[in-house]
Amino acid sequence: MNKKMLITGATDGIGLETAKKLAAMGREVLIHGRNPAKLDAAAHAVEEHARLPRYSLTAWTCASSSTRWRRCC
C-alpha cells in the first residue's frame, strides 16, 4: 500500500527537498504552498527530480482570505 505524503511549506527549503526525495522514491506526494507561482515552480522542480515512470504529485494552495482550496498545476 502506497501512503500519501503531504508536505506543507513545499515551495522551498526543507519542504521542497523532502518532496523531491519522496517523489524520487516513487511515493504519492501532495505539496502545499501559499504562493501559487512558487508552488507551480516547486511542482516542476519535483517532477524534474523524480525521473521515475511511477510517482504521483498533487499541488494545492489556499487563498489567505478564504478557506477554499484549489488545485494548482
N, C-alpha and C. Protein backbone atom coordinates (compact mmCIF):
# COMPACT_ATOMS: atom_id res chain seq x y z
N MET A 1 0.84 -1.18 0.00
CA MET A 1 0.00 0.00 0.00
C MET A 1 0.89 1.24 0.00
N ASN A 2 0.63 2.15 -0.93
CA ASN A 2 1.41 3.37 -1.03
C ASN A 2 0.70 4.47 -0.24
N LYS A 3 1.35 4.98 0.77
CA LYS A 3 0.77 6.04 1.58
C LYS A 3 0.97 7.39 0.91
N LYS A 4 0.02 8.29 1.12
CA LYS A 4 0.14 9.65 0.61
C LYS A 4 0.95 10.47 1.59
N MET A 5 1.86 11.26 1.05
CA MET A 5 2.71 12.12 1.87
C MET A 5 2.34 13.57 1.60
N LEU A 6 1.89 14.30 2.62
CA LEU A 6 1.55 15.71 2.50
C LEU A 6 2.72 16.52 3.03
N ILE A 7 3.26 17.38 2.17
CA ILE A 7 4.38 18.25 2.55
C ILE A 7 3.88 19.68 2.55
N THR A 8 3.87 20.31 3.71
CA THR A 8 3.49 21.71 3.79
C THR A 8 4.76 22.56 3.69
N GLY A 9 4.60 23.77 3.20
CA GLY A 9 5.78 24.63 3.02
C GLY A 9 6.73 24.05 2.00
N ALA A 10 6.15 23.48 0.93
CA ALA A 10 6.96 22.75 -0.05
C ALA A 10 7.49 23.62 -1.18
N THR A 11 7.39 24.93 -1.07
CA THR A 11 7.85 25.78 -2.16
C THR A 11 9.35 26.06 -2.12
N ASP A 12 9.99 25.79 -0.99
CA ASP A 12 11.45 25.96 -0.91
C ASP A 12 11.98 25.26 0.33
N GLY A 13 13.28 25.30 0.48
CA GLY A 13 13.93 24.77 1.68
C GLY A 13 13.72 23.28 1.92
N ILE A 14 13.58 22.94 3.19
CA ILE A 14 13.45 21.54 3.61
C ILE A 14 12.21 20.90 3.01
N GLY A 15 11.11 21.63 2.92
CA GLY A 15 9.88 21.08 2.36
C GLY A 15 10.05 20.67 0.91
N LEU A 16 10.68 21.50 0.12
CA LEU A 16 10.90 21.20 -1.29
C LEU A 16 11.84 20.01 -1.45
N GLU A 17 12.92 19.99 -0.70
CA GLU A 17 13.87 18.88 -0.79
C GLU A 17 13.23 17.56 -0.35
N THR A 18 12.39 17.62 0.66
CA THR A 18 11.68 16.41 1.12
C THR A 18 10.74 15.90 0.03
N ALA A 19 10.01 16.81 -0.59
CA ALA A 19 9.09 16.42 -1.67
C ALA A 19 9.86 15.78 -2.83
N LYS A 20 11.00 16.34 -3.17
CA LYS A 20 11.83 15.78 -4.25
C LYS A 20 12.27 14.36 -3.93
N LYS A 21 12.76 14.17 -2.72
CA LYS A 21 13.26 12.84 -2.34
C LYS A 21 12.14 11.81 -2.29
N LEU A 22 10.98 12.19 -1.76
CA LEU A 22 9.86 11.24 -1.70
C LEU A 22 9.36 10.88 -3.10
N ALA A 23 9.29 11.86 -3.98
CA ALA A 23 8.86 11.59 -5.36
C ALA A 23 9.87 10.69 -6.05
N ALA A 24 11.16 10.92 -5.79
CA ALA A 24 12.20 10.09 -6.39
C ALA A 24 12.13 8.65 -5.89
N MET A 25 11.54 8.45 -4.72
CA MET A 25 11.35 7.10 -4.17
C MET A 25 10.06 6.46 -4.70
N GLY A 26 9.32 7.21 -5.52
CA GLY A 26 8.10 6.67 -6.08
C GLY A 26 6.87 6.85 -5.21
N ARG A 27 6.93 7.71 -4.22
CA ARG A 27 5.82 7.94 -3.31
C ARG A 27 4.76 8.84 -3.93
N GLU A 28 3.57 8.80 -3.36
CA GLU A 28 2.50 9.71 -3.75
C GLU A 28 2.64 10.97 -2.90
N VAL A 29 2.99 12.08 -3.55
CA VAL A 29 3.33 13.30 -2.84
C VAL A 29 2.30 14.39 -3.10
N LEU A 30 1.82 15.00 -2.03
CA LEU A 30 0.94 16.16 -2.12
C LEU A 30 1.71 17.33 -1.53
N ILE A 31 1.86 18.40 -2.31
CA ILE A 31 2.60 19.55 -1.79
C ILE A 31 1.65 20.73 -1.60
N HIS A 32 1.96 21.55 -0.61
CA HIS A 32 1.13 22.71 -0.29
C HIS A 32 2.02 23.93 -0.18
N GLY A 33 1.49 25.05 -0.66
CA GLY A 33 2.18 26.32 -0.52
C GLY A 33 1.19 27.45 -0.66
N ARG A 34 1.49 28.60 -0.11
CA ARG A 34 0.57 29.74 -0.16
C ARG A 34 0.66 30.52 -1.46
N ASN A 35 1.82 30.53 -2.07
CA ASN A 35 2.03 31.32 -3.28
C ASN A 35 1.89 30.43 -4.51
N PRO A 36 0.84 30.62 -5.31
CA PRO A 36 0.62 29.75 -6.47
C PRO A 36 1.79 29.72 -7.47
N ALA A 37 2.45 30.85 -7.68
CA ALA A 37 3.57 30.88 -8.62
C ALA A 37 4.75 30.06 -8.10
N LYS A 38 5.06 30.21 -6.82
CA LYS A 38 6.14 29.44 -6.23
C LYS A 38 5.78 27.96 -6.17
N LEU A 39 4.50 27.67 -5.94
CA LEU A 39 4.06 26.28 -5.89
C LEU A 39 4.18 25.62 -7.25
N ASP A 40 3.85 26.36 -8.29
CA ASP A 40 3.98 25.85 -9.65
C ASP A 40 5.45 25.53 -9.96
N ALA A 41 6.34 26.44 -9.58
CA ALA A 41 7.77 26.22 -9.80
C ALA A 41 8.26 25.01 -9.00
N ALA A 42 7.77 24.87 -7.78
CA ALA A 42 8.17 23.72 -6.94
C ALA A 42 7.68 22.42 -7.55
N ALA A 43 6.46 22.42 -8.08
CA ALA A 43 5.92 21.21 -8.70
C ALA A 43 6.77 20.79 -9.89
N HIS A 44 7.20 21.74 -10.69
CA HIS A 44 8.06 21.42 -11.83
C HIS A 44 9.42 20.90 -11.36
N ALA A 45 9.95 21.48 -10.29
CA ALA A 45 11.23 21.02 -9.76
C ALA A 45 11.13 19.59 -9.24
N VAL A 46 10.03 19.26 -8.57
CA VAL A 46 9.83 17.90 -8.06
C VAL A 46 9.70 16.93 -9.23
N GLU A 47 8.94 17.31 -10.24
CA GLU A 47 8.77 16.44 -11.40
C GLU A 47 10.10 16.17 -12.11
N GLU A 48 10.92 17.18 -12.25
CA GLU A 48 12.22 17.01 -12.90
C GLU A 48 13.15 16.13 -12.07
N HIS A 49 13.05 16.25 -10.77
CA HIS A 49 13.93 15.48 -9.88
C HIS A 49 13.51 14.02 -9.81
N ALA A 50 12.22 13.74 -9.87
CA ALA A 50 11.72 12.37 -9.68
C ALA A 50 12.25 11.43 -10.76
N ARG A 51 12.07 11.79 -12.03
CA ARG A 51 12.57 11.00 -13.16
C ARG A 51 12.22 9.51 -13.07
N LEU A 52 11.08 9.21 -12.50
CA LEU A 52 10.61 7.83 -12.41
C LEU A 52 9.37 7.66 -13.26
N PRO A 53 9.14 6.49 -13.78
CA PRO A 53 7.92 6.29 -14.55
C PRO A 53 6.67 6.30 -13.66
N ARG A 54 6.89 6.08 -12.36
CA ARG A 54 5.72 6.00 -11.50
C ARG A 54 5.89 6.80 -10.21
N TYR A 55 5.20 7.88 -10.12
CA TYR A 55 5.08 8.66 -8.90
C TYR A 55 3.85 9.52 -9.08
N SER A 56 3.38 10.10 -8.02
CA SER A 56 2.18 10.93 -8.11
C SER A 56 2.44 12.25 -7.39
N LEU A 57 2.09 13.34 -8.03
CA LEU A 57 2.31 14.66 -7.44
C LEU A 57 1.05 15.49 -7.58
N THR A 58 0.59 16.04 -6.49
CA THR A 58 -0.55 16.95 -6.49
C THR A 58 -0.13 18.20 -5.73
N ALA A 59 -0.44 19.36 -6.29
CA ALA A 59 -0.08 20.63 -5.65
C ALA A 59 -1.36 21.36 -5.26
N TRP A 60 -1.42 21.85 -4.03
CA TRP A 60 -2.59 22.56 -3.51
C TRP A 60 -2.17 23.89 -2.90
N THR A 61 -3.03 24.86 -3.07
CA THR A 61 -2.81 26.15 -2.43
C THR A 61 -4.12 26.64 -1.84
N CYS A 62 -4.05 27.52 -0.88
CA CYS A 62 -5.24 28.07 -0.25
C CYS A 62 -5.09 29.58 -0.18
N ALA A 63 -6.09 30.29 -0.69
CA ALA A 63 -6.06 31.75 -0.62
C ALA A 63 -6.17 32.19 0.84
N SER A 64 -5.41 33.19 1.22
CA SER A 64 -5.39 33.61 2.62
C SER A 64 -6.72 34.22 3.06
N SER A 65 -7.53 34.70 2.13
CA SER A 65 -8.78 35.35 2.51
C SER A 65 -9.97 34.38 2.52
N SER A 66 -9.73 33.12 2.21
CA SER A 66 -10.82 32.15 2.24
C SER A 66 -10.31 30.80 2.64
N THR A 67 -11.21 29.88 2.89
CA THR A 67 -10.81 28.53 3.25
C THR A 67 -10.98 27.58 2.07
N ARG A 68 -11.27 28.10 0.90
CA ARG A 68 -11.42 27.25 -0.28
C ARG A 68 -10.06 26.87 -0.83
N TRP A 69 -9.86 25.60 -1.01
CA TRP A 69 -8.62 25.09 -1.56
C TRP A 69 -8.75 24.96 -3.07
N ARG A 70 -7.67 25.13 -3.76
CA ARG A 70 -7.72 24.91 -5.20
C ARG A 70 -6.48 24.13 -5.62
N ARG A 71 -6.69 23.31 -6.61
CA ARG A 71 -5.58 22.53 -7.13
C ARG A 71 -4.78 23.41 -8.08
N CYS A 72 -3.50 23.31 -7.98
CA CYS A 72 -2.59 24.11 -8.79
C CYS A 72 -1.83 23.17 -9.71
N CYS A 73 -1.44 23.64 -10.87
CA CYS A 73 -0.61 22.87 -11.81
C CYS A 73 -1.41 21.79 -12.50
